[in-house]
Each structure stands twice: as C-alpha cells, then as structure tokens.
Amino acid sequence: MTHDSVGVAVAQFAPAASTSANLDVIGGLARTAAGRGARVVVFPEYSSYFVDPFDASLAANAEDVDGPFVTALVALAAELDVVLVAGLLERADDGRRVRNTVVAVGAGGIQAVYRKLHLYDAFGQRESDWIQPGEIAPPETFVVDGLRFGLMTCYDLRFPEVARTLADAGTDAALVPAEWVRGPLKEHHWRTLLQARAIENTMFVAAADHPPPLGVGHSLVVDPQGVVVATVGTTTDVAVAHLDAEAVARVRRVNPALELRRFRVTPR
C-alpha cells in the first residue's frame, strides 16, 4: 500500500428475493470494507433483487435508477465516504422484461450507469427471456483519488471488446458485478477471463460474484499484469486490494500493447 493508492473492495454475497434484506447485507459488508480502507466497494450482479429461477417477480421488483434501492445506496455511500457499485433490476421499456443495470454511486448521487450488453443466452440459460439488453453507448466512467473506473457485467467478460472500449475511454480499473453460474470448468473460465481482460488491457480488474451454490464465488482483484492480488473464496465476505495509481502507467510503458494494436472496436 502506498500513500496514493486507492482501496478497492469486492464484496461477495448471495442476493435474495428481498430488497430490504439485500440492503442490510450490503450495509454490513460496506462498513467492513470501509473499515479496511476501501474507497470503492463492488457488489454482485442483481444485488437489489434475485430469484432462481427467474419469474415474473423480477418485473414486479424492478425500480427506476433513482428509486429506493439506489437512494439507499447513496445514503450509505455518504455515511461511509465511499463509492458503491452494485447490480440493480431496472424497469425496462416493454413492461415485461427488466434491465440488468449496474450503478456506481457516491455521496453526491449516481456517478455512472451501465446496462448489460451481452445477455446470458448460453450454457442452457435464456437471460434474454427476462432481460432487455442495454444500448451501445460510450462508457460512463468515474474517478476516485486519481484512478478512473469503468463498468461491465458478468457475461460481458466473454466479449473482450467490452473491456477494450473501457480501456479506450481511459479506464484504469474495470469493475465487474457478476452472477457467474456454476458448472463444469466455470471457475476456470471465471479466473482466466478476468486475468485475460486485465493483461490485454493493462488495467486492474475487480469482480464480485455470488457465492455457491448458484455462483462460483472467488470474487477477486487482478492487477494490470494479471496477478490476483486479493480474493474471497466461497463465503460471504470482503476482500480489499490497494491499487497503485501509477501501476497502470508503469505497465503500459513496459508493454505498450494498446498503442501497438492495429484494430479498433466498432459496434455491430
């Protein structure tokens, strides 16, 4: 830890079908993280409400971005002087599906919003039956103590273009709320993809997952060379890493891969 480092926590828990219960857990984990020096705390995908399997209660419990769940997060962020990043069920346009949204909030309100682009229509799942995909738009980023953060969600990890657009937007650290569903080799995919996104973009990556039995757990923080610097395991817990604001610049001087590439990302 250096004097200009930024404490970033990954807070792992299993969101339930109760927004108030989830907020109670979030509050406890956020206080633990802040007590360990975190300035940014990342929570999982679907932190506001989650049910397995999906059903009509998703739409019934969806909120606007400025609704009660986010309002409670803002109050908690102000109390602890941190930025909180969490998954939200947001109301969608068609009244049947919802949006899988991630918000970053601080004491002053919402700092960034991201709506999941790539829906989990894989491994026997059909997220698109319940979720409306986000629209392609320039990344929203935010800065804490000189470090620029960007957002992406879970299945987006399998599409390297998403992280690359964050790098193009000047991001130093990608934050990844997730519900990485368990299955054969899924723990291996999770860790490999997180490390790959960090290595190829020479940036930090911090990801928060649901624990077993539904998620794989192993929420972690990876440095710009792909080294895991903090991890949780398979329980409800917090891991904090202190990110050196100069580390990204140092790695990019030695390995200027972003400057040397010959292709750009364009929307499909």
C-alpha atoms as a PDB file:
ATOM      1  CA  MET A   1       0.000   0.000   0.000  1.00  0.00           C
ATOM      2  CA  THR A   2       1.302   3.446  -0.971  1.00  0.00           C
ATOM      3  CA  HIS A   3       0.203   6.888   0.092  1.00  0.00           C
ATOM      4  CA  ASP A   4      -1.559   7.441  -3.242  1.00  0.00           C
ATOM      5  CA  SER A   5      -3.201   4.015  -3.500  1.00  0.00           C
ATOM      6  CA  VAL A   6      -6.957   3.524  -3.803  1.00  0.00           C
ATOM      7  CA  GLY A   7      -8.617   0.846  -1.696  1.00  0.00           C
ATOM      8  CA  VAL A   8     -10.993  -1.261  -3.780  1.00  0.00           C
ATOM      9  CA  ALA A   9     -13.125  -3.995  -2.220  1.00  0.00           C
ATOM     10  CA  VAL A  10     -15.005  -6.880  -3.773  1.00  0.00           C
ATOM     11  CA  ALA A  11     -17.988  -7.752  -1.566  1.00  0.00           C
ATOM     12  CA  GLN A  12     -19.360 -11.251  -2.167  1.00  0.00           C
ATOM     13  CA  PHE A  13     -22.850 -12.267  -1.079  1.00  0.00           C
ATOM     14  CA  ALA A  14     -25.933 -14.089  -2.349  1.00  0.00           C
ATOM     15  CA  PRO A  15     -28.694 -11.563  -3.106  1.00  0.00           C
ATOM     16  CA  ALA A  16     -32.159 -12.754  -2.090  1.00  0.00           C
ATOM     17  CA  ALA A  17     -35.710 -12.080  -3.231  1.00  0.00           C
ATOM     18  CA  SER A  18     -35.911  -9.183  -0.758  1.00  0.00           C
ATOM     19  CA  THR A  19     -34.507  -5.742  -1.472  1.00  0.00           C
ATOM     20  CA  SER A  20     -34.565  -4.761   2.197  1.00  0.00           C
ATOM     21  CA  ALA A  21     -32.672  -7.909   3.222  1.00  0.00           C
ATOM     22  CA  ASN A  22     -30.110  -7.283   0.492  1.00  0.00           C
ATOM     23  CA  LEU A  23     -29.602  -3.711   1.673  1.00  0.00           C
ATOM     24  CA  ASP A  24     -28.949  -4.985   5.192  1.00  0.00           C
ATOM     25  CA  VAL A  25     -26.202  -7.286   3.909  1.00  0.00           C
ATOM     26  CA  ILE A  26     -24.786  -4.577   1.665  1.00  0.00           C
ATOM     27  CA  GLY A  27     -24.613  -2.195   4.619  1.00  0.00           C
ATOM     28  CA  GLY A  28     -22.676  -4.657   6.750  1.00  0.00           C
ATOM     29  CA  LEU A  29     -20.224  -5.564   4.009  1.00  0.00           C
ATOM     30  CA  ALA A  30     -19.727  -1.910   3.007  1.00  0.00           C
ATOM     31  CA  ARG A  31     -18.897  -0.966   6.592  1.00  0.00           C
ATOM     32  CA  THR A  32     -16.411  -3.827   6.814  1.00  0.00           C
ATOM     33  CA  ALA A  33     -14.802  -2.764   3.536  1.00  0.00           C
ATOM     34  CA  ALA A  34     -14.601   0.891   4.564  1.00  0.00           C
ATOM     35  CA  GLY A  35     -13.072  -0.143   7.866  1.00  0.00           C
ATOM     36  CA  ARG A  36     -10.327  -1.906   5.905  1.00  0.00           C
ATOM     37  CA  GLY A  37      -9.571   1.213   3.894  1.00  0.00           C
ATOM     38  CA  ALA A  38     -11.764   0.733   0.828  1.00  0.00           C
ATOM     39  CA  ARG A  39     -12.786   3.814  -1.141  1.00  0.00           C
ATOM     40  CA  VAL A  40     -14.700   1.783  -3.756  1.00  0.00           C
ATOM     41  CA  VAL A  41     -16.815  -1.282  -2.937  1.00  0.00           C
ATOM     42  CA  VAL A  42     -18.064  -3.620  -5.683  1.00  0.00           C
ATOM     43  CA  PHE A  43     -21.115  -5.824  -5.104  1.00  0.00           C
ATOM     44  CA  PRO A  44     -22.548  -8.595  -7.326  1.00  0.00           C
ATOM     45  CA  GLU A  45     -24.930  -8.513 -10.242  1.00  0.00           C
ATOM     46  CA  TYR A  46     -28.625  -8.465  -9.205  1.00  0.00           C
ATOM     47  CA  SER A  47     -27.750  -7.017  -5.787  1.00  0.00           C
ATOM     48  CA  SER A  48     -31.152  -5.351  -5.455  1.00  0.00           C
ATOM     49  CA  TYR A  49     -33.224  -8.496  -6.048  1.00  0.00           C
ATOM     50  CA  PHE A  50     -32.553 -12.036  -7.210  1.00  0.00           C
ATOM     51  CA  VAL A  51     -34.603 -15.190  -7.598  1.00  0.00           C
ATOM     52  CA  ASP A  52     -33.694 -18.523  -9.169  1.00  0.00           C
ATOM     53  CA  PRO A  53     -35.218 -19.496 -11.499  1.00  0.00           C
ATOM     54  CA  PHE A  54     -36.301 -16.151 -12.898  1.00  0.00           C
ATOM     55  CA  ASP A  55     -40.021 -15.426 -12.789  1.00  0.00           C
ATOM     56  CA  ALA A  56     -42.492 -12.545 -13.057  1.00  0.00           C
ATOM     57  CA  SER A  57     -41.347 -11.191  -9.699  1.00  0.00           C
ATOM     58  CA  LEU A  58     -38.362  -9.617 -11.478  1.00  0.00           C
ATOM     59  CA  ALA A  59     -40.557  -7.018 -13.173  1.00  0.00           C
ATOM     60  CA  ALA A  60     -42.603  -6.560 -10.002  1.00  0.00           C
ATOM     61  CA  ASN A  61     -39.449  -5.672  -8.066  1.00  0.00           C
ATOM     62  CA  ALA A  62     -37.716  -3.568 -10.720  1.00  0.00           C
ATOM     63  CA  GLU A  63     -37.106   0.105  -9.942  1.00  0.00           C
ATOM     64  CA  ASP A  64     -36.067   3.267 -11.696  1.00  0.00           C
ATOM     65  CA  VAL A  65     -32.393   4.183 -11.467  1.00  0.00           C
ATOM     66  CA  ASP A  66     -33.279   6.910  -8.971  1.00  0.00           C
ATOM     67  CA  GLY A  67     -35.603   4.627  -6.996  1.00  0.00           C
ATOM     68  CA  PRO A  68     -35.476   3.448  -3.371  1.00  0.00           C
ATOM     69  CA  PHE A  69     -32.607   0.969  -3.767  1.00  0.00           C
ATOM     70  CA  VAL A  70     -30.230   3.494  -5.290  1.00  0.00           C
ATOM     71  CA  THR A  71     -31.394   6.175  -2.862  1.00  0.00           C
ATOM     72  CA  ALA A  72     -30.417   3.859  -0.004  1.00  0.00           C
ATOM     73  CA  LEU A  73     -27.036   3.204  -1.628  1.00  0.00           C
ATOM     74  CA  VAL A  74     -26.373   6.937  -1.931  1.00  0.00           C
ATOM     75  CA  ALA A  75     -27.130   7.446   1.763  1.00  0.00           C
ATOM     76  CA  LEU A  76     -24.792   4.582   2.682  1.00  0.00           C
ATOM     77  CA  ALA A  77     -22.059   5.920   0.395  1.00  0.00           C
ATOM     78  CA  ALA A  78     -22.360   9.340   2.043  1.00  0.00           C
ATOM     79  CA  GLU A  79     -22.200   7.823   5.523  1.00  0.00           C
ATOM     80  CA  LEU A  80     -19.019   5.877   4.728  1.00  0.00           C
ATOM     81  CA  ASP A  81     -17.427   8.316   2.234  1.00  0.00           C
ATOM     82  CA  VAL A  82     -17.082   5.598  -0.408  1.00  0.00           C
ATOM     83  CA  VAL A  83     -18.318   4.796  -3.901  1.00  0.00           C
ATOM     84  CA  LEU A  84     -20.632   1.772  -4.058  1.00  0.00           C
ATOM     85  CA  VAL A  85     -21.054  -0.272  -7.238  1.00  0.00           C
ATOM     86  CA  ALA A  86     -23.960  -2.732  -7.376  1.00  0.00           C
ATOM     87  CA  GLY A  87     -26.318  -4.552  -9.706  1.00  0.00           C
ATOM     88  CA  LEU A  88     -29.879  -3.251  -9.967  1.00  0.00           C
ATOM     89  CA  LEU A  89     -33.097  -4.557 -11.513  1.00  0.00           C
ATOM     90  CA  GLU A  90     -34.174  -1.522 -13.521  1.00  0.00           C
ATOM     91  CA  ARG A  91     -37.564  -1.052 -15.129  1.00  0.00           C
ATOM     92  CA  ALA A  92     -37.415  -1.650 -18.895  1.00  0.00           C
ATOM     93  CA  ASP A  93     -39.390  -0.211 -21.794  1.00  0.00           C
ATOM     94  CA  ASP A  94     -41.755  -3.090 -22.538  1.00  0.00           C
ATOM     95  CA  GLY A  95     -43.231  -3.599 -19.057  1.00  0.00           C
ATOM     96  CA  ARG A  96     -42.472  -7.333 -19.103  1.00  0.00           C
ATOM     97  CA  ARG A  97     -38.704  -7.573 -19.090  1.00  0.00           C
ATOM     98  CA  VAL A  98     -36.271  -5.600 -16.920  1.00  0.00           C
ATOM     99  CA  ARG A  99     -32.814  -4.163 -17.436  1.00  0.00           C
ATOM    100  CA  ASN A 100     -29.759  -5.695 -15.800  1.00  0.00           C
ATOM    101  CA  THR A 101     -28.146  -2.457 -14.670  1.00  0.00           C
ATOM    102  CA  VAL A 102     -25.068  -1.562 -12.657  1.00  0.00           C
ATOM    103  CA  VAL A 103     -24.849   1.747 -10.814  1.00  0.00           C
ATOM    104  CA  ALA A 104     -21.901   3.486  -9.208  1.00  0.00           C
ATOM    105  CA  VAL A 105     -22.984   5.929  -6.509  1.00  0.00           C
ATOM    106  CA  GLY A 106     -21.192   8.297  -4.180  1.00  0.00           C
ATOM    107  CA  ALA A 107     -22.249  10.825  -1.607  1.00  0.00           C
ATOM    108  CA  GLY A 108     -23.359  13.195  -4.363  1.00  0.00           C
ATOM    109  CA  GLY A 109     -25.526  10.651  -6.154  1.00  0.00           C
ATOM    110  CA  ILE A 110     -25.129   8.493  -9.241  1.00  0.00           C
ATOM    111  CA  GLN A 111     -21.669   8.656 -10.823  1.00  0.00           C
ATOM    112  CA  ALA A 112     -22.048   6.072 -13.608  1.00  0.00           C
ATOM    113  CA  VAL A 113     -24.658   3.687 -15.027  1.00  0.00           C
ATOM    114  CA  TYR A 114     -24.082   0.597 -17.166  1.00  0.00           C
ATOM    115  CA  ARG A 115     -26.722  -1.677 -18.688  1.00  0.00           C
ATOM    116  CA  LYS A 116     -25.576  -5.191 -19.519  1.00  0.00           C
ATOM    117  CA  LEU A 117     -24.893  -5.565 -23.242  1.00  0.00           C
ATOM    118  CA  HIS A 118     -24.388  -9.320 -23.640  1.00  0.00           C
ATOM    119  CA  LEU A 119     -27.161 -11.410 -22.129  1.00  0.00           C
ATOM    120  CA  TYR A 120     -26.531 -14.902 -20.822  1.00  0.00           C
ATOM    121  CA  ASP A 121     -28.166 -16.996 -23.550  1.00  0.00           C
ATOM    122  CA  ALA A 122     -25.664 -19.820 -23.113  1.00  0.00           C
ATOM    123  CA  PHE A 123     -24.995 -22.984 -21.111  1.00  0.00           C
ATOM    124  CA  GLY A 124     -28.710 -23.773 -21.193  1.00  0.00           C
ATOM    125  CA  GLN A 125     -29.796 -20.354 -19.882  1.00  0.00           C
ATOM    126  CA  ARG A 126     -32.004 -17.712 -21.559  1.00  0.00           C
ATOM    127  CA  GLU A 127     -31.452 -14.388 -19.788  1.00  0.00           C
ATOM    128  CA  SER A 128     -32.952 -12.529 -22.749  1.00  0.00           C
ATOM    129  CA  ASP A 129     -36.386 -14.008 -21.984  1.00  0.00           C
ATOM    130  CA  TRP A 130     -36.426 -11.796 -18.882  1.00  0.00           C
ATOM    131  CA  ILE A 131     -33.863  -9.055 -19.502  1.00  0.00           C
ATOM    132  CA  GLN A 132     -33.753  -6.269 -22.080  1.00  0.00           C
ATOM    133  CA  PRO A 133     -30.203  -5.678 -23.371  1.00  0.00           C
ATOM    134  CA  GLY A 134     -28.528  -2.335 -22.899  1.00  0.00           C
ATOM    135  CA  GLU A 135     -27.950   0.010 -25.794  1.00  0.00           C
ATOM    136  CA  ILE A 136     -24.461   0.525 -27.165  1.00  0.00           C
ATOM    137  CA  ALA A 137     -23.219   3.855 -25.842  1.00  0.00           C
ATOM    138  CA  PRO A 138     -19.948   5.496 -24.812  1.00  0.00           C
ATOM    139  CA  PRO A 139     -18.773   4.116 -21.450  1.00  0.00           C
ATOM    140  CA  GLU A 140     -19.626   6.100 -18.345  1.00  0.00           C
ATOM    141  CA  THR A 141     -16.607   6.280 -16.054  1.00  0.00           C
ATOM    142  CA  PHE A 142     -15.839   7.898 -12.713  1.00  0.00           C
ATOM    143  CA  VAL A 143     -12.666   8.921 -10.886  1.00  0.00           C
ATOM    144  CA  VAL A 144     -11.671   8.247  -7.277  1.00  0.00           C
ATOM    145  CA  ASP A 145      -8.375   9.618  -5.992  1.00  0.00           C
ATOM    146  CA  GLY A 146      -6.883   9.846  -9.474  1.00  0.00           C
ATOM    147  CA  LEU A 147      -7.913   6.361 -10.651  1.00  0.00           C
ATOM    148  CA  ARG A 148     -10.532   6.096 -13.413  1.00  0.00           C
ATOM    149  CA  PHE A 149     -13.079   3.267 -13.118  1.00  0.00           C
ATOM    150  CA  GLY A 150     -15.387   1.699 -15.716  1.00  0.00           C
ATOM    151  CA  LEU A 151     -18.237  -0.822 -15.510  1.00  0.00           C
ATOM    152  CA  MET A 152     -19.168  -4.094 -17.184  1.00  0.00           C
ATOM    153  CA  THR A 153     -21.250  -7.120 -16.165  1.00  0.00           C
ATOM    154  CA  CYS A 154     -20.709 -10.876 -15.864  1.00  0.00           C
ATOM    155  CA  TYR A 155     -21.182 -12.490 -19.325  1.00  0.00           C
ATOM    156  CA  ASP A 156     -19.605  -9.390 -20.903  1.00  0.00           C
ATOM    157  CA  LEU A 157     -16.292 -10.923 -19.787  1.00  0.00           C
ATOM    158  CA  ARG A 158     -16.509 -13.384 -22.683  1.00  0.00           C
ATOM    159  CA  PHE A 159     -16.515 -10.483 -25.157  1.00  0.00           C
ATOM    160  CA  PRO A 160     -13.122  -8.740 -24.990  1.00  0.00           C
ATOM    161  CA  GLU A 161     -14.436  -5.755 -26.929  1.00  0.00           C
ATOM    162  CA  VAL A 162     -16.324  -4.520 -23.857  1.00  0.00           C
ATOM    163  CA  ALA A 163     -13.202  -4.214 -21.732  1.00  0.00           C
ATOM    164  CA  ARG A 164     -11.322  -2.754 -24.683  1.00  0.00           C
ATOM    165  CA  THR A 165     -13.872   0.067 -25.006  1.00  0.00           C
ATOM    166  CA  LEU A 166     -13.270   0.812 -21.323  1.00  0.00           C
ATOM    167  CA  ALA A 167      -9.536   0.971 -21.972  1.00  0.00           C
ATOM    168  CA  ASP A 168     -10.171   3.321 -24.892  1.00  0.00           C
ATOM    169  CA  ALA A 169     -12.157   5.548 -22.526  1.00  0.00           C
ATOM    170  CA  GLY A 170      -9.114   5.904 -20.279  1.00  0.00           C
ATOM    171  CA  THR A 171     -10.143   3.381 -17.656  1.00  0.00           C
ATOM    172  CA  ASP A 172      -7.517   2.241 -15.134  1.00  0.00           C
ATOM    173  CA  ALA A 173      -9.747  -0.356 -13.447  1.00  0.00           C
ATOM    174  CA  ALA A 174     -12.746  -2.325 -14.722  1.00  0.00           C
ATOM    175  CA  LEU A 175     -15.375  -3.236 -12.115  1.00  0.00           C
ATOM    176  CA  VAL A 176     -17.416  -6.378 -12.820  1.00  0.00           C
ATOM    177  CA  PRO A 177     -20.533  -7.265 -10.805  1.00  0.00           C
ATOM    178  CA  ALA A 178     -21.433 -10.858 -11.709  1.00  0.00           C
ATOM    179  CA  GLU A 179     -23.579 -13.903 -11.104  1.00  0.00           C
ATOM    180  CA  TRP A 180     -21.182 -16.405 -12.703  1.00  0.00           C
ATOM    181  CA  VAL A 181     -23.279 -19.566 -12.771  1.00  0.00           C
ATOM    182  CA  ARG A 182     -21.577 -22.723 -11.551  1.00  0.00           C
ATOM    183  CA  GLY A 183     -20.864 -25.604 -13.925  1.00  0.00           C
ATOM    184  CA  PRO A 184     -18.063 -27.701 -15.413  1.00  0.00           C
ATOM    185  CA  LEU A 185     -14.886 -25.623 -15.761  1.00  0.00           C
ATOM    186  CA  LYS A 186     -16.754 -22.427 -14.873  1.00  0.00           C
ATOM    187  CA  GLU A 187     -14.358 -21.495 -12.049  1.00  0.00           C
ATOM    188  CA  HIS A 188     -11.511 -21.892 -14.545  1.00  0.00           C
ATOM    189  CA  HIS A 189     -13.310 -19.707 -17.119  1.00  0.00           C
ATOM    190  CA  TRP A 190     -14.040 -17.048 -14.484  1.00  0.00           C
ATOM    191  CA  ARG A 191     -10.476 -16.617 -13.304  1.00  0.00           C
ATOM    192  CA  THR A 192      -8.931 -16.989 -16.779  1.00  0.00           C
ATOM    193  CA  LEU A 193     -11.188 -14.386 -18.368  1.00  0.00           C
ATOM    194  CA  LEU A 194     -10.703 -11.872 -15.573  1.00  0.00           C
ATOM    195  CA  GLN A 195      -6.937 -12.231 -15.814  1.00  0.00           C
ATOM    196  CA  ALA A 196      -7.043 -12.033 -19.619  1.00  0.00           C
ATOM    197  CA  ARG A 197      -9.067  -8.811 -19.585  1.00  0.00           C
ATOM    198  CA  ALA A 198      -6.528  -7.317 -17.174  1.00  0.00           C
ATOM    199  CA  ILE A 199      -3.472  -8.456 -19.154  1.00  0.00           C
ATOM    200  CA  GLU A 200      -4.643  -7.475 -22.624  1.00  0.00           C
ATOM    201  CA  ASN A 201      -5.812  -4.025 -21.484  1.00  0.00           C
ATOM    202  CA  THR A 202      -3.020  -3.468 -18.935  1.00  0.00           C
ATOM    203  CA  MET A 203      -5.514  -2.393 -16.284  1.00  0.00           C
ATOM    204  CA  PHE A 204      -6.871  -3.545 -12.944  1.00  0.00           C
ATOM    205  CA  VAL A 205      -9.993  -5.715 -12.886  1.00  0.00           C
ATOM    206  CA  ALA A 206     -12.158  -6.177  -9.770  1.00  0.00           C
ATOM    207  CA  ALA A 207     -15.066  -8.627  -9.897  1.00  0.00           C
ATOM    208  CA  ALA A 208     -17.725  -9.539  -7.309  1.00  0.00           C
ATOM    209  CA  ASP A 209     -19.715 -12.752  -7.691  1.00  0.00           C
ATOM    210  CA  HIS A 210     -22.471 -14.680  -5.914  1.00  0.00           C
ATOM    211  CA  PRO A 211     -21.110 -17.491  -3.722  1.00  0.00           C
ATOM    212  CA  PRO A 212     -22.080 -21.160  -4.210  1.00  0.00           C
ATOM    213  CA  PRO A 213     -24.389 -22.923  -4.703  1.00  0.00           C
ATOM    214  CA  LEU A 214     -25.514 -20.696  -7.596  1.00  0.00           C
ATOM    215  CA  GLY A 215     -22.339 -18.704  -8.295  1.00  0.00           C
ATOM    216  CA  VAL A 216     -18.735 -19.838  -8.272  1.00  0.00           C
ATOM    217  CA  GLY A 217     -17.657 -17.288  -5.684  1.00  0.00           C
ATOM    218  CA  HIS A 218     -13.955 -16.415  -5.833  1.00  0.00           C
ATOM    219  CA  SER A 219     -14.537 -12.673  -6.140  1.00  0.00           C
ATOM    220  CA  LEU A 220     -11.152 -11.137  -6.821  1.00  0.00           C
ATOM    221  CA  VAL A 221      -8.970  -8.214  -7.820  1.00  0.00           C
ATOM    222  CA  VAL A 222      -6.395  -8.634 -10.599  1.00  0.00           C
ATOM    223  CA  ASP A 223      -3.510  -6.263 -11.314  1.00  0.00           C
ATOM    224  CA  PRO A 224      -2.509  -4.965 -14.803  1.00  0.00           C
ATOM    225  CA  GLN A 225      -0.140  -7.900 -15.297  1.00  0.00           C
ATOM    226  CA  GLY A 226      -2.794 -10.487 -14.486  1.00  0.00           C
ATOM    227  CA  VAL A 227      -1.708 -11.241 -10.920  1.00  0.00           C
ATOM    228  CA  VAL A 228      -4.512 -11.902  -8.419  1.00  0.00           C
ATOM    229  CA  VAL A 229      -3.867  -9.516  -5.524  1.00  0.00           C
ATOM    230  CA  ALA A 230      -6.984 -10.172  -3.412  1.00  0.00           C
ATOM    231  CA  THR A 231      -9.695 -12.838  -3.379  1.00  0.00           C
ATOM    232  CA  VAL A 232     -12.574 -14.006  -1.206  1.00  0.00           C
ATOM    233  CA  GLY A 233     -13.211 -17.745  -1.652  1.00  0.00           C
ATOM    234  CA  THR A 234     -16.723 -19.211  -1.451  1.00  0.00           C
ATOM    235  CA  THR A 235     -18.287 -17.456   1.543  1.00  0.00           C
ATOM    236  CA  THR A 236     -19.990 -14.117   2.161  1.00  0.00           C
ATOM    237  CA  ASP A 237     -17.025 -11.843   2.733  1.00  0.00           C
ATOM    238  CA  VAL A 238     -14.986  -8.850   1.601  1.00  0.00           C
ATOM    239  CA  ALA A 239     -11.508  -8.686   0.076  1.00  0.00           C
ATOM    240  CA  VAL A 240      -9.677  -5.358  -0.240  1.00  0.00           C
ATOM    241  CA  ALA A 241      -6.787  -4.501  -2.537  1.00  0.00           C
ATOM    242  CA  HIS A 242      -4.981  -1.174  -2.581  1.00  0.00           C
ATOM    243  CA  LEU A 243      -4.483  -0.170  -6.202  1.00  0.00           C
ATOM    244  CA  ASP A 244      -1.406   1.871  -7.015  1.00  0.00           C
ATOM    245  CA  ALA A 245      -2.489   4.755  -9.212  1.00  0.00           C
ATOM    246  CA  GLU A 246       0.872   4.648 -11.035  1.00  0.00           C
ATOM    247  CA  ALA A 247       0.883   0.891 -11.679  1.00  0.00           C
ATOM    248  CA  VAL A 248      -1.113   1.125 -14.907  1.00  0.00           C
ATOM    249  CA  ALA A 249       1.239   3.739 -16.339  1.00  0.00           C
ATOM    250  CA  ARG A 250       4.295   1.696 -15.380  1.00  0.00           C
ATOM    251  CA  VAL A 251       2.975  -1.469 -17.006  1.00  0.00           C
ATOM    252  CA  ARG A 252       1.951   0.393 -20.148  1.00  0.00           C
ATOM    253  CA  ARG A 253       5.430   1.884 -20.501  1.00  0.00           C
ATOM    254  CA  VAL A 254       6.943  -1.600 -20.479  1.00  0.00           C
ATOM    255  CA  ASN A 255       4.159  -3.234 -22.519  1.00  0.00           C
ATOM    256  CA  PRO A 256       2.534  -0.608 -24.796  1.00  0.00           C
ATOM    257  CA  ALA A 257       0.127  -3.159 -26.315  1.00  0.00           C
ATOM    258  CA  LEU A 258      -2.752  -0.680 -26.541  1.00  0.00           C
ATOM    259  CA  GLU A 259      -0.615   1.683 -28.616  1.00  0.00           C
ATOM    260  CA  LEU A 260       0.740  -1.076 -30.850  1.00  0.00           C
ATOM    261  CA  ARG A 261      -2.592  -2.671 -31.839  1.00  0.00           C
ATOM    262  CA  ARG A 262      -3.820  -2.331 -35.406  1.00  0.00           C
ATOM    263  CA  PHE A 263      -7.568  -2.767 -34.893  1.00  0.00           C
ATOM    264  CA  ARG A 264     -10.296  -0.728 -33.217  1.00  0.00           C
ATOM    265  CA  VAL A 265     -13.640  -1.766 -31.717  1.00  0.00           C
ATOM    266  CA  THR A 266     -16.702  -0.809 -33.776  1.00  0.00           C
ATOM    267  CA  PRO A 267     -20.383  -1.600 -32.976  1.00  0.00           C
ATOM    268  CA  ARG A 268     -22.040  -4.465 -34.783  1.00  0.00           C
END
